[in-house]
Amino acid sequence: MRRIDTNWLGVAEGFVTLFDHWETATDMWDGVGERQVRHPIQFDGTFASVPVVQLAPTLIDAHSDTYLRLNMRAEEVTETGFVLTVDIWDDTRIARLGVNWQALGPLDDPDEIWDV
């Protein structure tokens, strides 16, 4: 378990369309075998230490004739961002993939927060 020892918890969140490979032929739709997409995400601010990042697929437009084989993860997580990485393999065909992400961690500068 990771304990955040602070009263200043920061939350960064967003949505990204990781790829939209329907309009033009690309490997994620037309390819076979191991394929990967990496997308850098930058936070709006800076955390005091490396945050915890949660990912949730919210849009998957996949071909119905093949199995969905998908590995999605946050890599290279730092205080300022991370790399959203997705692997697919075999004959999986994905035209569009959208992901919601959320990062939780201690704030870098508690003076930026005002108390009501």
PDB file of N, CA and C in Angstrom:
ATOM      1  N   MET A   1       0.839  -1.167   0.000  1.00  0.00           N
ATOM      2  CA  MET A   1       0.000   0.000   0.000  1.00  0.00           C
ATOM      3  C   MET A   1       0.888   1.234   0.000  1.00  0.00           C
ATOM      4  N   ARG A   2       0.445   2.240  -0.703  1.00  0.00           N
ATOM      5  CA  ARG A   2       1.178   3.490  -0.768  1.00  0.00           C
ATOM      6  C   ARG A   2       0.458   4.525   0.082  1.00  0.00           C
ATOM      7  N   ARG A   3       1.160   5.139   1.016  1.00  0.00           N
ATOM      8  CA  ARG A   3       0.561   6.141   1.885  1.00  0.00           C
ATOM      9  C   ARG A   3       1.025   7.522   1.445  1.00  0.00           C
ATOM     10  N   ILE A   4       0.082   8.424   1.256  1.00  0.00           N
ATOM     11  CA  ILE A   4       0.396   9.807   0.901  1.00  0.00           C
ATOM     12  C   ILE A   4       0.319  10.611   2.183  1.00  0.00           C
ATOM     13  N   ASP A   5       1.466  11.016   2.692  1.00  0.00           N
ATOM     14  CA  ASP A   5       1.551  11.706   3.975  1.00  0.00           C
ATOM     15  C   ASP A   5       1.438  13.212   3.758  1.00  0.00           C
ATOM     16  N   THR A   6       0.241  13.666   3.468  1.00  0.00           N
ATOM     17  CA  THR A   6       0.025  15.087   3.230  1.00  0.00           C
ATOM     18  C   THR A   6      -1.456  15.411   3.345  1.00  0.00           C
ATOM     19  N   ASN A   7      -1.758  16.638   3.637  1.00  0.00           N
ATOM     20  CA  ASN A   7      -3.144  17.119   3.609  1.00  0.00           C
ATOM     21  C   ASN A   7      -3.480  17.725   2.258  1.00  0.00           C
ATOM     22  N   TRP A   8      -2.504  17.773   1.376  1.00  0.00           N
ATOM     23  CA  TRP A   8      -2.674  18.426   0.085  1.00  0.00           C
ATOM     24  C   TRP A   8      -2.666  17.394  -1.041  1.00  0.00           C
ATOM     25  N   LEU A   9      -3.792  16.720  -1.204  1.00  0.00           N
ATOM     26  CA  LEU A   9      -3.904  15.696  -2.242  1.00  0.00           C
ATOM     27  C   LEU A   9      -4.293  16.357  -3.559  1.00  0.00           C
ATOM     28  N   GLY A  10      -3.523  16.091  -4.581  1.00  0.00           N
ATOM     29  CA  GLY A  10      -3.816  16.619  -5.907  1.00  0.00           C
ATOM     30  C   GLY A  10      -4.399  15.544  -6.800  1.00  0.00           C
ATOM     31  N   VAL A  11      -5.339  15.937  -7.658  1.00  0.00           N
ATOM     32  CA  VAL A  11      -5.949  15.028  -8.614  1.00  0.00           C
ATOM     33  C   VAL A  11      -5.869  15.669  -9.995  1.00  0.00           C
ATOM     34  N   ALA A  12      -5.253  14.974 -10.920  1.00  0.00           N
ATOM     35  CA  ALA A  12      -5.233  15.392 -12.323  1.00  0.00           C
ATOM     36  C   ALA A  12      -6.007  14.345 -13.099  1.00  0.00           C
ATOM     37  N   GLU A  13      -6.766  14.780 -14.093  1.00  0.00           N
ATOM     38  CA  GLU A  13      -7.555  13.821 -14.866  1.00  0.00           C
ATOM     39  C   GLU A  13      -7.756  14.317 -16.276  1.00  0.00           C
ATOM     40  N   GLY A  14      -8.085  13.374 -17.161  1.00  0.00           N
ATOM     41  CA  GLY A  14      -8.309  13.754 -18.545  1.00  0.00           C
ATOM     42  C   GLY A  14      -8.818  12.590 -19.378  1.00  0.00           C
ATOM     43  N   PHE A  15      -9.092  12.902 -20.623  1.00  0.00           N
ATOM     44  CA  PHE A  15      -9.529  11.915 -21.616  1.00  0.00           C
ATOM     45  C   PHE A  15      -8.673  12.112 -22.855  1.00  0.00           C
ATOM     46  N   VAL A  16      -8.272  11.031 -23.464  1.00  0.00           N
ATOM     47  CA  VAL A  16      -7.514  11.106 -24.700  1.00  0.00           C
ATOM     48  C   VAL A  16      -8.041  10.048 -25.667  1.00  0.00           C
ATOM     49  N   THR A  17      -8.236  10.445 -26.923  1.00  0.00           N
ATOM     50  CA  THR A  17      -8.472   9.471 -27.982  1.00  0.00           C
ATOM     51  C   THR A  17      -7.088   9.013 -28.399  1.00  0.00           C
ATOM     52  N   LEU A  18      -6.728   7.825 -27.968  1.00  0.00           N
ATOM     53  CA  LEU A  18      -5.373   7.330 -28.175  1.00  0.00           C
ATOM     54  C   LEU A  18      -5.065   7.148 -29.655  1.00  0.00           C
ATOM     55  N   PHE A  19      -6.030   6.635 -30.374  1.00  0.00           N
ATOM     56  CA  PHE A  19      -5.897   6.593 -31.830  1.00  0.00           C
ATOM     57  C   PHE A  19      -7.266   6.476 -32.462  1.00  0.00           C
ATOM     58  N   ASP A  20      -7.342   6.915 -33.709  1.00  0.00           N
ATOM     59  CA  ASP A  20      -8.546   6.815 -34.527  1.00  0.00           C
ATOM     60  C   ASP A  20      -8.078   6.334 -35.889  1.00  0.00           C
ATOM     61  N   HIS A  21      -7.998   5.024 -36.039  1.00  0.00           N
ATOM     62  CA  HIS A  21      -7.407   4.422 -37.229  1.00  0.00           C
ATOM     63  C   HIS A  21      -8.456   3.903 -38.206  1.00  0.00           C
ATOM     64  N   TRP A  22      -9.615   4.491 -38.172  1.00  0.00           N
ATOM     65  CA  TRP A  22     -10.671   4.073 -39.070  1.00  0.00           C
ATOM     66  C   TRP A  22     -10.540   4.741 -40.433  1.00  0.00           C
ATOM     67  N   GLU A  23     -10.257   6.027 -40.426  1.00  0.00           N
ATOM     68  CA  GLU A  23     -10.217   6.797 -41.672  1.00  0.00           C
ATOM     69  C   GLU A  23      -9.046   6.401 -42.577  1.00  0.00           C
ATOM     70  N   THR A  24      -7.886   6.187 -41.985  1.00  0.00           N
ATOM     71  CA  THR A  24      -6.711   5.827 -42.773  1.00  0.00           C
ATOM     72  C   THR A  24      -6.203   4.463 -42.319  1.00  0.00           C
ATOM     73  N   ALA A  25      -5.721   3.689 -43.244  1.00  0.00           N
ATOM     74  CA  ALA A  25      -5.225   2.346 -42.928  1.00  0.00           C
ATOM     75  C   ALA A  25      -3.958   2.446 -42.085  1.00  0.00           C
ATOM     76  N   THR A  26      -3.990   1.804 -40.938  1.00  0.00           N
ATOM     77  CA  THR A  26      -2.822   1.766 -40.050  1.00  0.00           C
ATOM     78  C   THR A  26      -2.682   0.361 -39.490  1.00  0.00           C
ATOM     79  N   ASP A  27      -1.584   0.138 -38.781  1.00  0.00           N
ATOM     80  CA  ASP A  27      -1.308  -1.186 -38.231  1.00  0.00           C
ATOM     81  C   ASP A  27      -2.332  -1.646 -37.204  1.00  0.00           C
ATOM     82  N   MET A  28      -2.909  -0.730 -36.416  1.00  0.00           N
ATOM     83  CA  MET A  28      -3.848  -1.151 -35.377  1.00  0.00           C
ATOM     84  C   MET A  28      -5.132  -1.728 -35.989  1.00  0.00           C
ATOM     85  N   TRP A  29      -5.475  -1.307 -37.183  1.00  0.00           N
ATOM     86  CA  TRP A  29      -6.668  -1.825 -37.848  1.00  0.00           C
ATOM     87  C   TRP A  29      -6.315  -2.891 -38.883  1.00  0.00           C
ATOM     88  N   ASP A  30      -5.303  -2.644 -39.668  1.00  0.00           N
ATOM     89  CA  ASP A  30      -4.965  -3.555 -40.767  1.00  0.00           C
ATOM     90  C   ASP A  30      -3.827  -4.522 -40.468  1.00  0.00           C
ATOM     91  N   GLY A  31      -3.103  -4.298 -39.382  1.00  0.00           N
ATOM     92  CA  GLY A  31      -1.935  -5.115 -39.082  1.00  0.00           C
ATOM     93  C   GLY A  31      -2.267  -6.439 -38.433  1.00  0.00           C
ATOM     94  N   VAL A  32      -1.263  -7.287 -38.334  1.00  0.00           N
ATOM     95  CA  VAL A  32      -1.368  -8.583 -37.667  1.00  0.00           C
ATOM     96  C   VAL A  32      -0.102  -8.752 -36.839  1.00  0.00           C
ATOM     97  N   GLY A  33      -0.243  -9.387 -35.682  1.00  0.00           N
ATOM     98  CA  GLY A  33       0.907  -9.596 -34.812  1.00  0.00           C
ATOM     99  C   GLY A  33       0.970  -8.542 -33.720  1.00  0.00           C
ATOM    100  N   GLU A  34       2.134  -8.399 -33.100  1.00  0.00           N
ATOM    101  CA  GLU A  34       2.303  -7.450 -32.006  1.00  0.00           C
ATOM    102  C   GLU A  34       2.379  -6.024 -32.541  1.00  0.00           C
ATOM    103  N   ARG A  35       1.559  -5.138 -31.934  1.00  0.00           N
ATOM    104  CA  ARG A  35       1.526  -3.725 -32.310  1.00  0.00           C
ATOM    105  C   ARG A  35       1.417  -2.878 -31.050  1.00  0.00           C
ATOM    106  N   GLN A  36       1.966  -1.676 -31.084  1.00  0.00           N
ATOM    107  CA  GLN A  36       1.979  -0.827 -29.903  1.00  0.00           C
ATOM    108  C   GLN A  36       1.779   0.638 -30.280  1.00  0.00           C
ATOM    109  N   VAL A  37       1.045   1.353 -29.407  1.00  0.00           N
ATOM    110  CA  VAL A  37       0.899   2.805 -29.510  1.00  0.00           C
ATOM    111  C   VAL A  37       1.310   3.394 -28.168  1.00  0.00           C
ATOM    112  N   ARG A  38       2.149   4.448 -28.218  1.00  0.00           N
ATOM    113  CA  ARG A  38       2.585   5.165 -27.009  1.00  0.00           C
ATOM    114  C   ARG A  38       2.186   6.624 -27.164  1.00  0.00           C
ATOM    115  N   HIS A  39       1.572   7.176 -26.100  1.00  0.00           N
ATOM    116  CA  HIS A  39       1.094   8.555 -26.151  1.00  0.00           C
ATOM    117  C   HIS A  39       1.497   9.286 -24.861  1.00  0.00           C
ATOM    118  N   PRO A  40       2.345  10.332 -24.959  1.00  0.00           N
ATOM    119  CA  PRO A  40       2.743  11.066 -23.752  1.00  0.00           C
ATOM    120  C   PRO A  40       1.593  11.931 -23.227  1.00  0.00           C
ATOM    121  N   ILE A  41       1.432  11.934 -21.908  1.00  0.00           N
ATOM    122  CA  ILE A  41       0.422  12.747 -21.223  1.00  0.00           C
ATOM    123  C   ILE A  41       1.165  13.679 -20.258  1.00  0.00           C
ATOM    124  N   GLN A  42       0.858  14.969 -20.310  1.00  0.00           N
ATOM    125  CA  GLN A  42       1.436  15.944 -19.388  1.00  0.00           C
ATOM    126  C   GLN A  42       0.359  16.425 -18.431  1.00  0.00           C
ATOM    127  N   PHE A  43       0.662  16.456 -17.126  1.00  0.00           N
ATOM    128  CA  PHE A  43      -0.269  16.980 -16.142  1.00  0.00           C
ATOM    129  C   PHE A  43      -0.321  18.507 -16.255  1.00  0.00           C
ATOM    130  N   ASP A  44      -1.406  19.099 -15.767  1.00  0.00           N
ATOM    131  CA  ASP A  44      -1.543  20.563 -15.762  1.00  0.00           C
ATOM    132  C   ASP A  44      -0.570  21.210 -14.789  1.00  0.00           C
ATOM    133  N   GLY A  45      -0.218  20.495 -13.731  1.00  0.00           N
ATOM    134  CA  GLY A  45       0.714  20.992 -12.724  1.00  0.00           C
ATOM    135  C   GLY A  45       1.730  19.923 -12.398  1.00  0.00           C
ATOM    136  N   THR A  46       2.432  20.110 -11.279  1.00  0.00           N
ATOM    137  CA  THR A  46       3.469  19.184 -10.865  1.00  0.00           C
ATOM    138  C   THR A  46       3.125  18.600  -9.501  1.00  0.00           C
ATOM    139  N   PHE A  47       3.268  17.295  -9.363  1.00  0.00           N
ATOM    140  CA  PHE A  47       3.100  16.629  -8.080  1.00  0.00           C
ATOM    141  C   PHE A  47       4.421  16.687  -7.312  1.00  0.00           C
ATOM    142  N   ALA A  48       4.351  16.571  -5.976  1.00  0.00           N
ATOM    143  CA  ALA A  48       5.552  16.578  -5.145  1.00  0.00           C
ATOM    144  C   ALA A  48       6.346  15.284  -5.293  1.00  0.00           C
ATOM    145  N   SER A  49       5.677  14.185  -5.584  1.00  0.00           N
ATOM    146  CA  SER A  49       6.331  12.908  -5.860  1.00  0.00           C
ATOM    147  C   SER A  49       5.507  12.185  -6.920  1.00  0.00           C
ATOM    148  N   VAL A  50       6.004  11.065  -7.367  1.00  0.00           N
ATOM    149  CA  VAL A  50       5.342  10.330  -8.453  1.00  0.00           C
ATOM    150  C   VAL A  50       3.930   9.927  -8.010  1.00  0.00           C
ATOM    151  N   PRO A  51       2.905  10.334  -8.775  1.00  0.00           N
ATOM    152  CA  PRO A  51       1.523  10.009  -8.409  1.00  0.00           C
ATOM    153  C   PRO A  51       1.145   8.592  -8.813  1.00  0.00           C
ATOM    154  N   VAL A  52      -0.002   8.162  -8.324  1.00  0.00           N
ATOM    155  CA  VAL A  52      -0.608   6.906  -8.741  1.00  0.00           C
ATOM    156  C   VAL A  52      -1.503   7.224  -9.936  1.00  0.00           C
ATOM    157  N   VAL A  53      -1.386   6.470 -11.019  1.00  0.00           N
ATOM    158  CA  VAL A  53      -2.168   6.720 -12.229  1.00  0.00           C
ATOM    159  C   VAL A  53      -3.126   5.563 -12.469  1.00  0.00           C
ATOM    160  N   GLN A  54      -4.391   5.892 -12.673  1.00  0.00           N
ATOM    161  CA  GLN A  54      -5.429   4.912 -12.997  1.00  0.00           C
ATOM    162  C   GLN A  54      -5.887   5.146 -14.431  1.00  0.00           C
ATOM    163  N   LEU A  55      -6.129   4.062 -15.168  1.00  0.00           N
ATOM    164  CA  LEU A  55      -6.587   4.141 -16.551  1.00  0.00           C
ATOM    165  C   LEU A  55      -7.896   3.385 -16.700  1.00  0.00           C
ATOM    166  N   ALA A  56      -8.766   3.888 -17.580  1.00  0.00           N
ATOM    167  CA  ALA A  56     -10.025   3.203 -17.868  1.00  0.00           C
ATOM    168  C   ALA A  56     -10.371   3.399 -19.341  1.00  0.00           C
ATOM    169  N   PRO A  57     -10.478   2.304 -20.096  1.00  0.00           N
ATOM    170  CA  PRO A  57     -10.919   2.457 -21.487  1.00  0.00           C
ATOM    171  C   PRO A  57     -12.382   2.887 -21.506  1.00  0.00           C
ATOM    172  N   THR A  58     -12.688   3.917 -22.275  1.00  0.00           N
ATOM    173  CA  THR A  58     -14.058   4.420 -22.355  1.00  0.00           C
ATOM    174  C   THR A  58     -14.605   4.377 -23.778  1.00  0.00           C
ATOM    175  N   LEU A  59     -13.749   4.074 -24.737  1.00  0.00           N
ATOM    176  CA  LEU A  59     -14.170   3.937 -26.126  1.00  0.00           C
ATOM    177  C   LEU A  59     -13.328   2.848 -26.771  1.00  0.00           C
ATOM    178  N   ILE A  60     -13.969   1.764 -27.162  1.00  0.00           N
ATOM    179  CA  ILE A  60     -13.276   0.704 -27.895  1.00  0.00           C
ATOM    180  C   ILE A  60     -14.117   0.358 -29.114  1.00  0.00           C
ATOM    181  N   ASP A  61     -13.584   0.649 -30.282  1.00  0.00           N
ATOM    182  CA  ASP A  61     -14.244   0.318 -31.539  1.00  0.00           C
ATOM    183  C   ASP A  61     -13.408  -0.782 -32.191  1.00  0.00           C
ATOM    184  N   ALA A  62     -13.801  -2.036 -31.925  1.00  0.00           N
ATOM    185  CA  ALA A  62     -13.017  -3.185 -32.373  1.00  0.00           C
ATOM    186  C   ALA A  62     -13.814  -4.009 -33.382  1.00  0.00           C
ATOM    187  N   HIS A  63     -13.107  -4.701 -34.236  1.00  0.00           N
ATOM    188  CA  HIS A  63     -13.731  -5.578 -35.229  1.00  0.00           C
ATOM    189  C   HIS A  63     -14.405  -6.750 -34.507  1.00  0.00           C
ATOM    190  N   SER A  64     -15.598  -7.107 -34.936  1.00  0.00           N
ATOM    191  CA  SER A  64     -16.369  -8.146 -34.250  1.00  0.00           C
ATOM    192  C   SER A  64     -15.958  -9.571 -34.640  1.00  0.00           C
ATOM    193  N   ASP A  65     -15.146  -9.730 -35.672  1.00  0.00           N
ATOM    194  CA  ASP A  65     -14.751 -11.073 -36.109  1.00  0.00           C
ATOM    195  C   ASP A  65     -13.493 -11.602 -35.417  1.00  0.00           C
ATOM    196  N   THR A  66     -12.865 -10.778 -34.565  1.00  0.00           N
ATOM    197  CA  THR A  66     -11.636 -11.212 -33.893  1.00  0.00           C
ATOM    198  C   THR A  66     -11.778 -11.000 -32.387  1.00  0.00           C
ATOM    199  N   TYR A  67     -10.955 -11.700 -31.631  1.00  0.00           N
ATOM    200  CA  TYR A  67     -10.930 -11.513 -30.182  1.00  0.00           C
ATOM    201  C   TYR A  67     -10.284 -10.174 -29.858  1.00  0.00           C
ATOM    202  N   LEU A  68     -10.730  -9.570 -28.757  1.00  0.00           N
ATOM    203  CA  LEU A  68     -10.133  -8.326 -28.282  1.00  0.00           C
ATOM    204  C   LEU A  68      -8.966  -8.662 -27.365  1.00  0.00           C
ATOM    205  N   ARG A  69      -7.766  -8.368 -27.822  1.00  0.00           N
ATOM    206  CA  ARG A  69      -6.546  -8.586 -27.049  1.00  0.00           C
ATOM    207  C   ARG A  69      -5.909  -7.215 -26.851  1.00  0.00           C
ATOM    208  N   LEU A  70      -5.916  -6.751 -25.597  1.00  0.00           N
ATOM    209  CA  LEU A  70      -5.519  -5.376 -25.320  1.00  0.00           C
ATOM    210  C   LEU A  70      -4.792  -5.316 -23.983  1.00  0.00           C
ATOM    211  N   ASN A  71      -3.631  -4.691 -23.962  1.00  0.00           N
ATOM    212  CA  ASN A  71      -2.892  -4.450 -22.733  1.00  0.00           C
ATOM    213  C   ASN A  71      -2.623  -2.947 -22.665  1.00  0.00           C
ATOM    214  N   MET A  72      -3.220  -2.274 -21.672  1.00  0.00           N
ATOM    215  CA  MET A  72      -3.107  -0.830 -21.534  1.00  0.00           C
ATOM    216  C   MET A  72      -2.448  -0.529 -20.192  1.00  0.00           C
ATOM    217  N   ARG A  73      -1.464   0.393 -20.191  1.00  0.00           N
ATOM    218  CA  ARG A  73      -0.757   0.690 -18.950  1.00  0.00           C
ATOM    219  C   ARG A  73      -0.144   2.093 -18.983  1.00  0.00           C
ATOM    220  N   ALA A  74       0.121   2.616 -17.775  1.00  0.00           N
ATOM    221  CA  ALA A  74       0.842   3.876 -17.612  1.00  0.00           C
ATOM    222  C   ALA A  74       2.307   3.534 -17.379  1.00  0.00           C
ATOM    223  N   GLU A  75       3.185   4.066 -18.214  1.00  0.00           N
ATOM    224  CA  GLU A  75       4.623   3.826 -18.092  1.00  0.00           C
ATOM    225  C   GLU A  75       5.347   5.151 -17.886  1.00  0.00           C
ATOM    226  N   GLU A  76       6.568   5.063 -17.393  1.00  0.00           N
ATOM    227  CA  GLU A  76       7.427   6.235 -17.222  1.00  0.00           C
ATOM    228  C   GLU A  76       6.709   7.354 -16.461  1.00  0.00           C
ATOM    229  N   VAL A  77       6.005   6.990 -15.382  1.00  0.00           N
ATOM    230  CA  VAL A  77       5.254   7.966 -14.597  1.00  0.00           C
ATOM    231  C   VAL A  77       6.241   8.842 -13.827  1.00  0.00           C
ATOM    232  N   THR A  78       6.070  10.155 -13.950  1.00  0.00           N
ATOM    233  CA  THR A  78       6.885  11.128 -13.216  1.00  0.00           C
ATOM    234  C   THR A  78       5.955  12.132 -12.539  1.00  0.00           C
ATOM    235  N   GLU A  79       6.532  13.104 -11.881  1.00  0.00           N
ATOM    236  CA  GLU A  79       5.756  14.155 -11.224  1.00  0.00           C
ATOM    237  C   GLU A  79       5.033  15.050 -12.217  1.00  0.00           C
ATOM    238  N   THR A  80       5.423  15.009 -13.490  1.00  0.00           N
ATOM    239  CA  THR A  80       4.842  15.910 -14.494  1.00  0.00           C
ATOM    240  C   THR A  80       4.030  15.210 -15.579  1.00  0.00           C
ATOM    241  N   GLY A  81       4.051  13.865 -15.617  1.00  0.00           N
ATOM    242  CA  GLY A  81       3.288  13.181 -16.648  1.00  0.00           C
ATOM    243  C   GLY A  81       3.618  11.701 -16.723  1.00  0.00           C
ATOM    244  N   PHE A  82       3.139  11.069 -17.787  1.00  0.00           N
ATOM    245  CA  PHE A  82       3.385   9.640 -17.995  1.00  0.00           C
ATOM    246  C   PHE A  82       3.195   9.315 -19.466  1.00  0.00           C
ATOM    247  N   VAL A  83       3.528   8.099 -19.829  1.00  0.00           N
ATOM    248  CA  VAL A  83       3.314   7.621 -21.198  1.00  0.00           C
ATOM    249  C   VAL A  83       2.226   6.557 -21.152  1.00  0.00           C
ATOM    250  N   LEU A  84       1.135   6.802 -21.863  1.00  0.00           N
ATOM    251  CA  LEU A  84       0.037   5.849 -21.987  1.00  0.00           C
ATOM    252  C   LEU A  84       0.410   4.885 -23.107  1.00  0.00           C
ATOM    253  N   THR A  85       0.524   3.600 -22.770  1.00  0.00           N
ATOM    254  CA  THR A  85       0.980   2.594 -23.730  1.00  0.00           C
ATOM    255  C   THR A  85      -0.088   1.521 -23.907  1.00  0.00           C
ATOM    256  N   VAL A  86      -0.354   1.164 -25.159  1.00  0.00           N
ATOM    257  CA  VAL A  86      -1.320   0.111 -25.478  1.00  0.00           C
ATOM    258  C   VAL A  86      -0.676  -0.871 -26.444  1.00  0.00           C
ATOM    259  N   ASP A  87      -0.796  -2.152 -26.110  1.00  0.00           N
ATOM    260  CA  ASP A  87      -0.350  -3.226 -26.995  1.00  0.00           C
ATOM    261  C   ASP A  87      -1.564  -4.034 -27.421  1.00  0.00           C
ATOM    262  N   ILE A  88      -1.578  -4.455 -28.681  1.00  0.00           N
ATOM    263  CA  ILE A  88      -2.529  -5.461 -29.151  1.00  0.00           C
ATOM    264  C   ILE A  88      -1.722  -6.496 -29.924  1.00  0.00           C
ATOM    265  N   TRP A  89      -2.278  -7.673 -30.130  1.00  0.00           N
ATOM    266  CA  TRP A  89      -1.523  -8.729 -30.793  1.00  0.00           C
ATOM    267  C   TRP A  89      -2.454  -9.672 -31.533  1.00  0.00           C
ATOM    268  N   ASP A  90      -1.836 -10.610 -32.211  1.00  0.00           N
ATOM    269  CA  ASP A  90      -2.510 -11.614 -33.026  1.00  0.00           C
ATOM    270  C   ASP A  90      -3.340 -10.910 -34.104  1.00  0.00           C
ATOM    271  N   ASP A  91      -4.614 -11.292 -34.272  1.00  0.00           N
ATOM    272  CA  ASP A  91      -5.423 -10.696 -35.335  1.00  0.00           C
ATOM    273  C   ASP A  91      -6.410  -9.642 -34.815  1.00  0.00           C
ATOM    274  N   THR A  92      -6.211  -9.153 -33.589  1.00  0.00           N
ATOM    275  CA  THR A  92      -7.076  -8.107 -33.033  1.00  0.00           C
ATOM    276  C   THR A  92      -7.034  -6.873 -33.925  1.00  0.00           C
ATOM    277  N   ARG A  93      -8.222  -6.306 -34.170  1.00  0.00           N
ATOM    278  CA  ARG A  93      -8.331  -5.103 -35.004  1.00  0.00           C
ATOM    279  C   ARG A  93      -9.112  -4.054 -34.224  1.00  0.00           C
ATOM    280  N   ILE A  94      -8.464  -2.934 -33.937  1.00  0.00           N
ATOM    281  CA  ILE A  94      -9.110  -1.835 -33.227  1.00  0.00           C
ATOM    282  C   ILE A  94      -9.018  -0.578 -34.086  1.00  0.00           C
ATOM    283  N   ALA A  95     -10.174   0.029 -34.342  1.00  0.00           N
ATOM    284  CA  ALA A  95     -10.222   1.245 -35.149  1.00  0.00           C
ATOM    285  C   ALA A  95     -10.041   2.490 -34.277  1.00  0.00           C
ATOM    286  N   ARG A  96     -10.702   2.520 -33.120  1.00  0.00           N
ATOM    287  CA  ARG A  96     -10.636   3.683 -32.229  1.00  0.00           C
ATOM    288  C   ARG A  96     -10.475   3.213 -30.790  1.00  0.00           C
ATOM    289  N   LEU A  97      -9.698   3.979 -30.030  1.00  0.00           N
ATOM    290  CA  LEU A  97      -9.531   3.683 -28.613  1.00  0.00           C
ATOM    291  C   LEU A  97      -9.448   4.992 -27.843  1.00  0.00           C
ATOM    292  N   GLY A  98     -10.350   5.163 -26.874  1.00  0.00           N
ATOM    293  CA  GLY A  98     -10.338   6.332 -26.004  1.00  0.00           C
ATOM    294  C   GLY A  98     -10.132   5.900 -24.561  1.00  0.00           C
ATOM    295  N   VAL A  99      -9.395   6.707 -23.798  1.00  0.00           N
ATOM    296  CA  VAL A  99      -9.021   6.336 -22.437  1.00  0.00           C
ATOM    297  C   VAL A  99      -9.220   7.524 -21.498  1.00  0.00           C
ATOM    298  N   ASN A 100      -9.890   7.284 -20.366  1.00  0.00           N
ATOM    299  CA  ASN A 100      -9.913   8.248 -19.268  1.00  0.00           C
ATOM    300  C   ASN A 100      -8.750   7.912 -18.360  1.00  0.00           C
ATOM    301  N   TRP A 101      -8.085   8.943 -17.832  1.00  0.00           N
ATOM    302  CA  TRP A 101      -6.983   8.725 -16.908  1.00  0.00           C
ATOM    303  C   TRP A 101      -7.137   9.641 -15.704  1.00  0.00           C
ATOM    304  N   GLN A 102      -6.573   9.200 -14.585  1.00  0.00           N
ATOM    305  CA  GLN A 102      -6.609   9.983 -13.362  1.00  0.00           C
ATOM    306  C   GLN A 102      -5.312   9.739 -12.596  1.00  0.00           C
ATOM    307  N   ALA A 103      -4.703  10.819 -12.119  1.00  0.00           N
ATOM    308  CA  ALA A 103      -3.483  10.741 -11.321  1.00  0.00           C
ATOM    309  C   ALA A 103      -3.756  11.341  -9.949  1.00  0.00           C
ATOM    310  N   LEU A 104      -3.337  10.630  -8.895  1.00  0.00           N
ATOM    311  CA  LEU A 104      -3.513  11.099  -7.520  1.00  0.00           C
ATOM    312  C   LEU A 104      -2.170  11.098  -6.814  1.00  0.00           C
ATOM    313  N   GLY A 105      -1.866  12.221  -6.144  1.00  0.00           N
ATOM    314  CA  GLY A 105      -0.609  12.314  -5.416  1.00  0.00           C
ATOM    315  C   GLY A 105      -0.524  13.606  -4.648  1.00  0.00           C
ATOM    316  N   PRO A 106       0.528  13.774  -3.854  1.00  0.00           N
ATOM    317  CA  PRO A 106       0.698  14.995  -3.081  1.00  0.00           C
ATOM    318  C   PRO A 106       1.027  16.174  -3.994  1.00  0.00           C
ATOM    319  N   LEU A 107       0.491  17.329  -3.639  1.00  0.00           N
ATOM    320  CA  LEU A 107       0.756  18.534  -4.428  1.00  0.00           C
ATOM    321  C   LEU A 107       2.174  19.026  -4.208  1.00  0.00           C
ATOM    322  N   ASP A 108       2.724  19.623  -5.238  1.00  0.00           N
ATOM    323  CA  ASP A 108       4.074  20.159  -5.184  1.00  0.00           C
ATOM    324  C   ASP A 108       4.128  21.444  -4.355  1.00  0.00           C
ATOM    325  N   ASP A 109       3.109  22.293  -4.502  1.00  0.00           N
ATOM    326  CA  ASP A 109       3.120  23.586  -3.830  1.00  0.00           C
ATOM    327  C   ASP A 109       1.776  23.822  -3.132  1.00  0.00           C
ATOM    328  N   PRO A 110       1.669  23.508  -1.842  1.00  0.00           N
ATOM    329  CA  PRO A 110       0.394  23.693  -1.141  1.00  0.00           C
ATOM    330  C   PRO A 110      -0.077  25.141  -1.099  1.00  0.00           C
ATOM    331  N   ASP A 111       0.827  26.101  -1.329  1.00  0.00           N
ATOM    332  CA  ASP A 111       0.425  27.511  -1.334  1.00  0.00           C
ATOM    333  C   ASP A 111      -0.494  27.849  -2.502  1.00  0.00           C
ATOM    334  N   GLU A 112      -0.524  26.970  -3.530  1.00  0.00           N
ATOM    335  CA  GLU A 112      -1.419  27.195  -4.656  1.00  0.00           C
ATOM    336  C   GLU A 112      -2.878  26.917  -4.281  1.00  0.00           C
ATOM    337  N   ILE A 113      -3.096  26.217  -3.167  1.00  0.00           N
ATOM    338  CA  ILE A 113      -4.431  25.873  -2.715  1.00  0.00           C
ATOM    339  C   ILE A 113      -4.902  26.932  -1.723  1.00  0.00           C
ATOM    340  N   TRP A 114      -6.118  27.395  -1.894  1.00  0.00           N
ATOM    341  CA  TRP A 114      -6.664  28.352  -0.935  1.00  0.00           C
ATOM    342  C   TRP A 114      -7.769  27.688  -0.148  1.00  0.00           C
ATOM    343  N   ASP A 115      -7.928  28.107   1.100  1.00  0.00           N
ATOM    344  CA  ASP A 115      -8.885  27.526   2.015  1.00  0.00           C
ATOM    345  C   ASP A 115     -10.132  28.399   2.054  1.00  0.00           C
ATOM    346  N   VAL A 116     -11.307  27.780   2.017  1.00  0.00           N
ATOM    347  CA  VAL A 116     -12.562  28.534   2.042  1.00  0.00           C
ATOM    348  C   VAL A 116     -12.990  28.769   3.471  1.00  0.00           C
TER     349      VAL A 116
END
